[in-house]
Amino acid sequence: MLEQALEENRKEEEEARKREEGLREIVCKLLQEVKCNSLVIDVQFRSFI
């Protein structure tokens, strides 16, 4: 019974790590997109002036 609980806990921790890794990838992609959009807006604004 204890071994089963430990195995379940290990599986849950592994799933949580995978979810965290996926979320980190999403955040990195979003940050890159924001930086890119900021550069585009900056260039457009400078050419407007």
PDB file of N, CA and C in Angstrom:
ATOM      1  N   MET A   1       0.834  -1.200   0.000  1.00  0.00           N
ATOM      2  CA  MET A   1       0.000   0.000   0.000  1.00  0.00           C
ATOM      3  C   MET A   1       0.878   1.263   0.000  1.00  0.00           C
ATOM      4  N   LEU A   2       1.907   1.256   0.825  1.00  0.00           N
ATOM      5  CA  LEU A   2       2.815   2.397   0.871  1.00  0.00           C
ATOM      6  C   LEU A   2       3.541   2.547  -0.462  1.00  0.00           C
ATOM      7  N   GLU A   3       3.968   1.414  -1.027  1.00  0.00           N
ATOM      8  CA  GLU A   3       4.652   1.456  -2.319  1.00  0.00           C
ATOM      9  C   GLU A   3       3.738   2.014  -3.406  1.00  0.00           C
ATOM     10  N   GLN A   4       2.471   1.641  -3.352  1.00  0.00           N
ATOM     11  CA  GLN A   4       1.507   2.135  -4.343  1.00  0.00           C
ATOM     12  C   GLN A   4       1.340   3.650  -4.208  1.00  0.00           C
ATOM     13  N   ALA A   5       1.262   4.135  -2.981  1.00  0.00           N
ATOM     14  CA  ALA A   5       1.122   5.574  -2.749  1.00  0.00           C
ATOM     15  C   ALA A   5       2.366   6.316  -3.232  1.00  0.00           C
ATOM     16  N   LEU A   6       3.536   5.744  -2.977  1.00  0.00           N
ATOM     17  CA  LEU A   6       4.778   6.371  -3.431  1.00  0.00           C
ATOM     18  C   LEU A   6       4.843   6.409  -4.954  1.00  0.00           C
ATOM     19  N   GLU A   7       4.412   5.336  -5.597  1.00  0.00           N
ATOM     20  CA  GLU A   7       4.409   5.277  -7.060  1.00  0.00           C
ATOM     21  C   GLU A   7       3.437   6.309  -7.640  1.00  0.00           C
ATOM     22  N   GLU A   8       2.265   6.432  -7.036  1.00  0.00           N
ATOM     23  CA  GLU A   8       1.288   7.438  -7.484  1.00  0.00           C
ATOM     24  C   GLU A   8       1.864   8.840  -7.341  1.00  0.00           C
ATOM     25  N   ASN A   9       2.506   9.083  -6.215  1.00  0.00           N
ATOM     26  CA  ASN A   9       3.111  10.388  -5.963  1.00  0.00           C
ATOM     27  C   ASN A   9       4.198  10.687  -6.993  1.00  0.00           C
ATOM     28  N   ARG A  10       5.013   9.678  -7.320  1.00  0.00           N
ATOM     29  CA  ARG A  10       6.074   9.850  -8.306  1.00  0.00           C
ATOM     30  C   ARG A  10       5.477  10.189  -9.670  1.00  0.00           C
ATOM     31  N   LYS A  11       4.402   9.499 -10.043  1.00  0.00           N
ATOM     32  CA  LYS A  11       3.751   9.764 -11.328  1.00  0.00           C
ATOM     33  C   LYS A  11       3.168  11.177 -11.367  1.00  0.00           C
ATOM     34  N   GLU A  12       2.545  11.582 -10.268  1.00  0.00           N
ATOM     35  CA  GLU A  12       1.972  12.930 -10.203  1.00  0.00           C
ATOM     36  C   GLU A  12       3.059  13.994 -10.309  1.00  0.00           C
ATOM     37  N   GLU A  13       4.187  13.762  -9.647  1.00  0.00           N
ATOM     38  CA  GLU A  13       5.298  14.712  -9.722  1.00  0.00           C
ATOM     39  C   GLU A  13       5.846  14.796 -11.141  1.00  0.00           C
ATOM     40  N   GLU A  14       5.948  13.663 -11.815  1.00  0.00           N
ATOM     41  CA  GLU A  14       6.440  13.643 -13.194  1.00  0.00           C
ATOM     42  C   GLU A  14       5.478  14.401 -14.113  1.00  0.00           C
ATOM     43  N   GLU A  15       4.178  14.187 -13.938  1.00  0.00           N
ATOM     44  CA  GLU A  15       3.183  14.907 -14.739  1.00  0.00           C
ATOM     45  C   GLU A  15       3.267  16.410 -14.474  1.00  0.00           C
ATOM     46  N   ALA A  16       3.461  16.779 -13.214  1.00  0.00           N
ATOM     47  CA  ALA A  16       3.577  18.198 -12.864  1.00  0.00           C
ATOM     48  C   ALA A  16       4.814  18.810 -13.515  1.00  0.00           C
ATOM     49  N   ARG A  17       5.918  18.069 -13.537  1.00  0.00           N
ATOM     50  CA  ARG A  17       7.139  18.564 -14.193  1.00  0.00           C
ATOM     51  C   ARG A  17       6.906  18.770 -15.690  1.00  0.00           C
ATOM     52  N   LYS A  18       6.206  17.834 -16.307  1.00  0.00           N
ATOM     53  CA  LYS A  18       5.923  17.957 -17.741  1.00  0.00           C
ATOM     54  C   LYS A  18       5.033  19.168 -18.015  1.00  0.00           C
ATOM     55  N   ARG A  19       4.017  19.365 -17.167  1.00  0.00           N
ATOM     56  CA  ARG A  19       3.143  20.539 -17.338  1.00  0.00           C
ATOM     57  C   ARG A  19       3.937  21.825 -17.164  1.00  0.00           C
ATOM     58  N   GLU A  20       4.808  21.850 -16.151  1.00  0.00           N
ATOM     59  CA  GLU A  20       5.630  23.037 -15.902  1.00  0.00           C
ATOM     60  C   GLU A  20       6.541  23.322 -17.093  1.00  0.00           C
ATOM     61  N   GLU A  21       7.138  22.281 -17.644  1.00  0.00           N
ATOM     62  CA  GLU A  21       8.013  22.449 -18.803  1.00  0.00           C
ATOM     63  C   GLU A  21       7.225  23.014 -19.990  1.00  0.00           C
ATOM     64  N   GLY A  22       6.026  22.492 -20.203  1.00  0.00           N
ATOM     65  CA  GLY A  22       5.182  22.996 -21.282  1.00  0.00           C
ATOM     66  C   GLY A  22       4.814  24.456 -21.079  1.00  0.00           C
ATOM     67  N   LEU A  23       4.494  24.807 -19.844  1.00  0.00           N
ATOM     68  CA  LEU A  23       4.147  26.197 -19.546  1.00  0.00           C
ATOM     69  C   LEU A  23       5.349  27.117 -19.733  1.00  0.00           C
ATOM     70  N   ARG A  24       6.533  26.650 -19.355  1.00  0.00           N
ATOM     71  CA  ARG A  24       7.749  27.453 -19.562  1.00  0.00           C
ATOM     72  C   ARG A  24       7.967  27.727 -21.045  1.00  0.00           C
ATOM     73  N   GLU A  25       7.747  26.706 -21.874  1.00  0.00           N
ATOM     74  CA  GLU A  25       7.910  26.886 -23.317  1.00  0.00           C
ATOM     75  C   GLU A  25       6.918  27.916 -23.850  1.00  0.00           C
ATOM     76  N   ILE A  26       5.674  27.838 -23.379  1.00  0.00           N
ATOM     77  CA  ILE A  26       4.649  28.790 -23.815  1.00  0.00           C
ATOM     78  C   ILE A  26       5.036  30.207 -23.409  1.00  0.00           C
ATOM     79  N   VAL A  27       5.486  30.371 -22.164  1.00  0.00           N
ATOM     80  CA  VAL A  27       5.876  31.692 -21.670  1.00  0.00           C
ATOM     81  C   VAL A  27       7.046  32.244 -22.478  1.00  0.00           C
ATOM     82  N   CYS A  28       8.026  31.395 -22.775  1.00  0.00           N
ATOM     83  CA  CYS A  28       9.176  31.849 -23.571  1.00  0.00           C
ATOM     84  C   CYS A  28       8.731  32.310 -24.950  1.00  0.00           C
ATOM     85  N   LYS A  29       7.844  31.548 -25.580  1.00  0.00           N
ATOM     86  CA  LYS A  29       7.350  31.930 -26.904  1.00  0.00           C
ATOM     87  C   LYS A  29       6.585  33.249 -26.836  1.00  0.00           C
ATOM     88  N   LEU A  30       5.769  33.407 -25.806  1.00  0.00           N
ATOM     89  CA  LEU A  30       5.011  34.654 -25.658  1.00  0.00           C
ATOM     90  C   LEU A  30       5.939  35.839 -25.428  1.00  0.00           C
ATOM     91  N   LEU A  31       6.976  35.643 -24.613  1.00  0.00           N
ATOM     92  CA  LEU A  31       7.929  36.729 -24.368  1.00  0.00           C
ATOM     93  C   LEU A  31       8.661  37.114 -25.647  1.00  0.00           C
ATOM     94  N   GLN A  32       9.029  36.124 -26.445  1.00  0.00           N
ATOM     95  CA  GLN A  32       9.689  36.420 -27.717  1.00  0.00           C
ATOM     96  C   GLN A  32       8.751  37.206 -28.624  1.00  0.00           C
ATOM     97  N   GLU A  33       7.483  36.813 -28.641  1.00  0.00           N
ATOM     98  CA  GLU A  33       6.503  37.510 -29.472  1.00  0.00           C
ATOM     99  C   GLU A  33       6.318  38.950 -29.005  1.00  0.00           C
ATOM    100  N   VAL A  34       6.273  39.144 -27.702  1.00  0.00           N
ATOM    101  CA  VAL A  34       6.117  40.495 -27.153  1.00  0.00           C
ATOM    102  C   VAL A  34       7.322  41.351 -27.520  1.00  0.00           C
ATOM    103  N   LYS A  35       8.526  40.794 -27.382  1.00  0.00           N
ATOM    104  CA  LYS A  35       9.733  41.546 -27.742  1.00  0.00           C
ATOM    105  C   LYS A  35       9.708  41.914 -29.214  1.00  0.00           C
ATOM    106  N   CYS A  36       9.314  40.978 -30.058  1.00  0.00           N
ATOM    107  CA  CYS A  36       9.255  41.218 -31.495  1.00  0.00           C
ATOM    108  C   CYS A  36       8.226  42.306 -31.796  1.00  0.00           C
ATOM    109  N   ASN A  37       7.053  42.200 -31.183  1.00  0.00           N
ATOM    110  CA  ASN A  37       6.011  43.203 -31.404  1.00  0.00           C
ATOM    111  C   ASN A  37       6.445  44.570 -30.896  1.00  0.00           C
ATOM    112  N   SER A  38       7.177  44.602 -29.791  1.00  0.00           N
ATOM    113  CA  SER A  38       7.665  45.872 -29.260  1.00  0.00           C
ATOM    114  C   SER A  38       8.626  46.525 -30.236  1.00  0.00           C
ATOM    115  N   LEU A  39       9.487  45.715 -30.857  1.00  0.00           N
ATOM    116  CA  LEU A  39      10.424  46.256 -31.842  1.00  0.00           C
ATOM    117  C   LEU A  39       9.678  46.798 -33.050  1.00  0.00           C
ATOM    118  N   VAL A  40       8.669  46.079 -33.510  1.00  0.00           N
ATOM    119  CA  VAL A  40       7.886  46.521 -34.667  1.00  0.00           C
ATOM    120  C   VAL A  40       7.189  47.834 -34.351  1.00  0.00           C
ATOM    121  N   ILE A  41       6.582  47.917 -33.184  1.00  0.00           N
ATOM    122  CA  ILE A  41       5.887  49.146 -32.783  1.00  0.00           C
ATOM    123  C   ILE A  41       6.881  50.294 -32.686  1.00  0.00           C
ATOM    124  N   ASP A  42       8.062  50.034 -32.109  1.00  0.00           N
ATOM    125  CA  ASP A  42       9.090  51.064 -31.963  1.00  0.00           C
ATOM    126  C   ASP A  42       9.534  51.567 -33.340  1.00  0.00           C
ATOM    127  N   VAL A  43       9.773  50.655 -34.259  1.00  0.00           N
ATOM    128  CA  VAL A  43      10.203  51.046 -35.607  1.00  0.00           C
ATOM    129  C   VAL A  43       9.101  51.844 -36.298  1.00  0.00           C
ATOM    130  N   GLN A  44       7.861  51.399 -36.179  1.00  0.00           N
ATOM    131  CA  GLN A  44       6.747  52.117 -36.800  1.00  0.00           C
ATOM    132  C   GLN A  44       6.603  53.510 -36.197  1.00  0.00           C
ATOM    133  N   PHE A  45       6.754  53.614 -34.884  1.00  0.00           N
ATOM    134  CA  PHE A  45       6.627  54.905 -34.214  1.00  0.00           C
ATOM    135  C   PHE A  45       7.742  55.848 -34.652  1.00  0.00           C
ATOM    136  N   ARG A  46       8.963  55.327 -34.720  1.00  0.00           N
ATOM    137  CA  ARG A  46      10.099  56.166 -35.120  1.00  0.00           C
ATOM    138  C   ARG A  46       9.947  56.646 -36.563  1.00  0.00           C
ATOM    139  N   SER A  47       9.416  55.811 -37.429  1.00  0.00           N
ATOM    140  CA  SER A  47       9.244  56.234 -38.823  1.00  0.00           C
ATOM    141  C   SER A  47       8.086  57.222 -38.946  1.00  0.00           C
ATOM    142  N   PHE A  48       7.167  57.212 -37.977  1.00  0.00           N
ATOM    143  CA  PHE A  48       6.039  58.143 -37.974  1.00  0.00           C
ATOM    144  C   PHE A  48       6.502  59.543 -37.606  1.00  0.00           C
ATOM    145  N   ILE A  49       7.498  59.609 -36.718  1.00  0.00           N
ATOM    146  CA  ILE A  49       7.982  60.904 -36.216  1.00  0.00           C
ATOM    147  C   ILE A  49       8.733  61.636 -37.240  1.00  0.00           C
TER     148      ILE A  49
END
